[in-house]
Amino acid sequence: MSFFSNLFKSRKKEMFKLSYDLDMDWREQDEYGLLTQLGDFKLFNRGRSKKITNILRKDDVHGDSEICIFDYTFVTGGGNNTARHRQTVFYVNAKDLNLPQFLMKPENFFHKIGQYLNMVDDIDFESFPEFSDDYLLQGESEDYVRDTFHKELLHFFTVEKDWCMEGFNYSLIFYRKGTRVPVDQIRNFYEKGLYVYDMLAEG
């Protein structure tokens, strides 16, 4: 058995064990139809050979919320330029969310050039210049997005760097681009995702 096969097998086993610690269900494959459910998010509109695995999932007793953590892979390019992308995603669908359509991701040099040329829209906050410098924030309704990104949330992402987040209506995803979270760090990732969800629900 190859090194990578052993690595994937070990991760499955560790995720299964972690499901008991977090009181969540574990599934090796996407038995919940998450790929279809998440099709409106930009993250899931890129590439091909899309696959969701190692799903940790929890419902509340009233069916008002669904929380998942999972590994997601997809492929872009072709030939010598083929690239396989891997990341771990926190996802929540909950009735106490009422989100505008928005996308937040780390801002890079090309985004800044695009803004200078009026080719890229970015919602900035004068009272949080560090957040505005670190993140590109876009949405269909700027006023709605501004109301959603309240001071507590902006402060959190001023301290926490390099996150991506998308939301609309009752759904939210939270992840670091191209980062598959090690199993021993998933509890911390889960707690951060819950904290962001709580801030958005309360806001």
Protein backbone atom coordinates (compact mmCIF):
# COMPACT_ATOMS: atom_id res chain seq x y z
CA MET A 1 0.00 0.00 0.00
CA SER A 2 1.39 3.44 -0.97
CA PHE A 3 2.31 6.21 1.46
CA PHE A 4 -0.67 8.32 0.32
CA SER A 5 -3.11 5.41 0.71
CA ASN A 6 -1.89 4.90 4.27
CA LEU A 7 -2.18 8.63 4.91
CA PHE A 8 -5.80 8.80 3.70
CA LYS A 9 -6.69 5.65 5.63
CA SER A 10 -5.18 7.11 8.80
CA ARG A 11 -7.11 10.39 8.36
CA LYS A 12 -10.40 8.52 7.96
CA LYS A 13 -9.75 6.56 11.13
CA GLU A 14 -8.81 9.70 13.08
CA MET A 15 -11.87 11.61 11.82
CA PHE A 16 -14.08 8.71 12.85
CA LYS A 17 -12.61 8.82 16.37
CA LEU A 18 -12.99 12.59 16.50
CA SER A 19 -16.70 12.31 15.70
CA TYR A 20 -17.25 10.77 19.16
CA ASP A 21 -15.34 13.58 20.89
CA LEU A 22 -17.39 16.23 19.08
CA ASP A 23 -20.68 14.29 19.35
CA MET A 24 -21.13 14.35 15.58
CA ASP A 25 -21.99 11.75 12.95
CA TRP A 26 -19.19 10.69 10.60
CA ARG A 27 -19.52 9.56 7.00
CA GLU A 28 -16.68 8.66 4.67
CA GLN A 29 -18.60 9.71 1.53
CA ASP A 30 -21.19 12.39 0.71
CA GLU A 31 -24.36 10.51 1.68
CA TYR A 32 -26.13 13.81 2.45
CA GLY A 33 -26.00 15.32 -1.05
CA LEU A 34 -23.86 18.21 0.13
CA LEU A 35 -22.34 18.91 -3.30
CA THR A 36 -25.80 19.64 -4.66
CA GLN A 37 -26.80 21.57 -1.55
CA LEU A 38 -23.70 23.78 -1.77
CA GLY A 39 -23.82 24.41 -5.51
CA ASP A 40 -24.57 28.15 -5.18
CA PHE A 41 -21.32 28.88 -3.34
CA LYS A 42 -18.44 30.12 -5.52
CA LEU A 43 -16.06 27.62 -3.92
CA PHE A 44 -18.10 24.75 -5.35
CA ASN A 45 -18.41 26.27 -8.82
CA ARG A 46 -14.74 25.88 -9.69
CA GLY A 47 -13.04 22.98 -11.41
CA ARG A 48 -14.10 19.38 -11.88
CA SER A 49 -13.84 15.97 -10.20
CA LYS A 50 -15.39 17.49 -7.09
CA LYS A 51 -15.51 15.28 -4.05
CA ILE A 52 -16.61 15.67 -0.43
CA THR A 53 -15.30 13.15 2.12
CA ASN A 54 -14.75 12.71 5.86
CA ILE A 55 -17.96 14.43 6.84
CA LEU A 56 -18.65 15.32 10.47
CA ARG A 57 -22.27 16.39 10.85
CA LYS A 58 -24.63 17.49 13.61
CA ASP A 59 -28.32 18.42 13.57
CA ASP A 60 -30.15 20.07 16.42
CA VAL A 61 -33.17 18.24 17.83
CA HIS A 62 -35.65 20.62 16.18
CA GLY A 63 -34.08 20.42 12.73
CA ASP A 64 -33.42 24.18 12.71
CA SER A 65 -29.69 23.86 12.07
CA GLU A 66 -27.22 21.60 10.32
CA ILE A 67 -23.48 21.91 10.99
CA CYS A 68 -20.82 20.06 9.00
CA ILE A 69 -17.07 19.86 8.71
CA PHE A 70 -15.69 18.02 5.69
CA ASP A 71 -12.76 17.62 3.31
CA TYR A 72 -13.31 18.94 -0.20
CA THR A 73 -11.18 18.31 -3.28
CA PHE A 74 -11.46 19.47 -6.88
CA VAL A 75 -9.23 19.65 -9.95
CA THR A 76 -8.37 22.59 -12.21
CA GLY A 77 -6.27 22.91 -15.35
CA GLY A 78 -5.08 20.09 -17.57
CA GLY A 79 -1.97 18.32 -18.78
CA ASN A 80 1.17 19.59 -17.08
CA ASN A 81 -0.90 22.38 -15.46
CA THR A 82 -3.33 20.07 -13.67
CA ALA A 83 -3.76 21.03 -10.02
CA ARG A 84 -5.67 19.22 -7.26
CA HIS A 85 -7.04 21.52 -4.57
CA ARG A 86 -7.75 20.28 -1.04
CA GLN A 87 -9.32 22.06 1.89
CA THR A 88 -11.41 21.50 4.97
CA VAL A 89 -14.70 23.41 5.13
CA PHE A 90 -17.00 24.41 7.98
CA TYR A 91 -20.62 24.66 6.81
CA VAL A 92 -23.76 25.66 8.64
CA ASN A 93 -27.36 25.93 7.50
CA ALA A 94 -29.50 27.47 10.23
CA LYS A 95 -32.83 29.26 10.55
CA ASP A 96 -31.31 31.90 12.87
CA LEU A 97 -29.07 33.14 10.05
CA ASN A 98 -30.43 35.79 7.71
CA LEU A 99 -27.45 36.67 5.55
CA PRO A 100 -26.92 38.81 2.47
CA GLN A 101 -25.08 37.24 -0.44
CA PHE A 102 -21.41 37.94 0.27
CA LEU A 103 -17.89 36.68 -0.37
CA MET A 104 -14.90 37.45 1.86
CA LYS A 105 -11.37 36.32 1.04
CA PRO A 106 -7.78 37.49 1.57
CA GLU A 107 -6.98 40.53 -0.50
CA ASN A 108 -3.95 40.32 -2.77
CA PHE A 109 -1.93 42.68 -4.95
CA PHE A 110 -4.05 42.06 -8.04
CA HIS A 111 -7.26 42.86 -6.14
CA LYS A 112 -5.74 46.18 -5.09
CA ILE A 113 -4.75 46.98 -8.68
CA GLY A 114 -8.27 46.06 -9.81
CA GLN A 115 -9.77 48.41 -7.23
CA TYR A 116 -7.46 51.22 -8.35
CA LEU A 117 -8.67 50.69 -11.93
CA ASN A 118 -12.31 50.43 -10.76
CA MET A 119 -12.48 46.86 -12.04
CA VAL A 120 -12.90 45.16 -8.64
CA ASP A 121 -15.48 46.09 -6.03
CA ASP A 122 -14.48 45.97 -2.37
CA ILE A 123 -16.45 46.98 0.71
CA ASP A 124 -14.12 48.78 3.14
CA PHE A 125 -14.63 49.97 6.71
CA GLU A 126 -12.92 53.21 7.74
CA SER A 127 -12.98 52.22 11.43
CA PHE A 128 -11.28 48.88 10.65
CA PRO A 129 -8.50 49.75 8.18
CA GLU A 130 -6.51 46.59 8.92
CA PHE A 131 -9.48 44.37 8.07
CA SER A 132 -10.08 46.38 4.89
CA ASP A 133 -6.43 46.03 3.90
CA ASP A 134 -6.34 42.29 4.58
CA TYR A 135 -9.66 41.21 3.09
CA LEU A 136 -11.63 41.61 -0.12
CA LEU A 137 -15.33 41.79 0.77
CA GLN A 138 -18.01 41.75 -1.92
CA GLY A 139 -21.79 41.44 -1.89
CA GLU A 140 -24.94 42.16 -3.86
CA SER A 141 -26.24 44.68 -1.31
CA GLU A 142 -23.49 46.83 0.21
CA ASP A 143 -25.70 48.27 2.97
CA TYR A 144 -26.89 44.81 3.98
CA VAL A 145 -23.31 43.48 4.02
CA ARG A 146 -22.17 46.44 6.14
CA ASP A 147 -24.93 45.79 8.65
CA THR A 148 -23.95 42.12 8.78
CA PHE A 149 -20.24 42.78 9.38
CA HIS A 150 -20.61 44.37 12.81
CA LYS A 151 -17.74 45.45 15.06
CA GLU A 152 -17.26 42.12 16.85
CA LEU A 153 -17.01 40.24 13.55
CA LEU A 154 -14.65 42.82 12.03
CA HIS A 155 -12.44 42.69 15.12
CA PHE A 156 -12.29 38.88 14.92
CA PHE A 157 -11.06 38.93 11.32
CA THR A 158 -8.65 41.78 12.07
CA VAL A 159 -6.90 39.34 14.42
CA GLU A 160 -7.59 36.15 12.43
CA LYS A 161 -5.88 36.22 9.02
CA ASP A 162 -6.27 34.42 5.68
CA TRP A 163 -9.82 33.12 6.08
CA CYS A 164 -12.44 32.78 3.35
CA MET A 165 -16.16 33.04 4.04
CA GLU A 166 -19.29 32.97 1.91
CA GLY A 167 -22.88 33.39 2.96
CA PHE A 168 -26.43 33.87 1.75
CA ASN A 169 -29.85 33.38 3.38
CA TYR A 170 -29.51 30.56 5.94
CA SER A 171 -26.17 29.20 4.74
CA LEU A 172 -22.54 29.93 5.59
CA ILE A 173 -19.17 28.36 4.71
CA PHE A 174 -15.85 29.16 6.40
CA TYR A 175 -12.42 27.85 5.36
CA ARG A 176 -8.82 28.63 4.46
CA LYS A 177 -8.17 28.36 0.75
CA GLY A 178 -6.10 25.32 -0.14
CA THR A 179 -5.75 24.21 3.49
CA ARG A 180 -6.73 20.78 4.66
CA VAL A 181 -6.88 21.08 8.43
CA PRO A 182 -4.87 18.42 10.34
CA VAL A 183 -7.15 16.23 12.43
CA ASP A 184 -5.56 17.40 15.69
CA GLN A 185 -6.55 20.99 14.78
CA ILE A 186 -10.12 20.30 13.66
CA ARG A 187 -11.61 20.85 17.12
CA ASN A 188 -10.11 24.36 17.12
CA PHE A 189 -11.33 24.94 13.55
CA TYR A 190 -14.81 23.75 14.57
CA GLU A 191 -14.87 26.11 17.55
CA LYS A 192 -13.81 29.05 15.38
CA GLY A 193 -16.55 28.20 12.89
CA LEU A 194 -19.14 28.05 15.67
CA TYR A 195 -17.94 31.39 17.01
CA VAL A 196 -18.31 33.04 13.59
CA TYR A 197 -21.75 31.45 13.19
CA ASP A 198 -22.83 32.72 16.63
CA MET A 199 -21.65 36.24 15.83
CA LEU A 200 -23.56 36.28 12.55
CA ALA A 201 -26.69 34.79 14.13
CA GLU A 202 -26.67 37.31 16.96
CA GLY A 203 -25.90 40.17 14.59
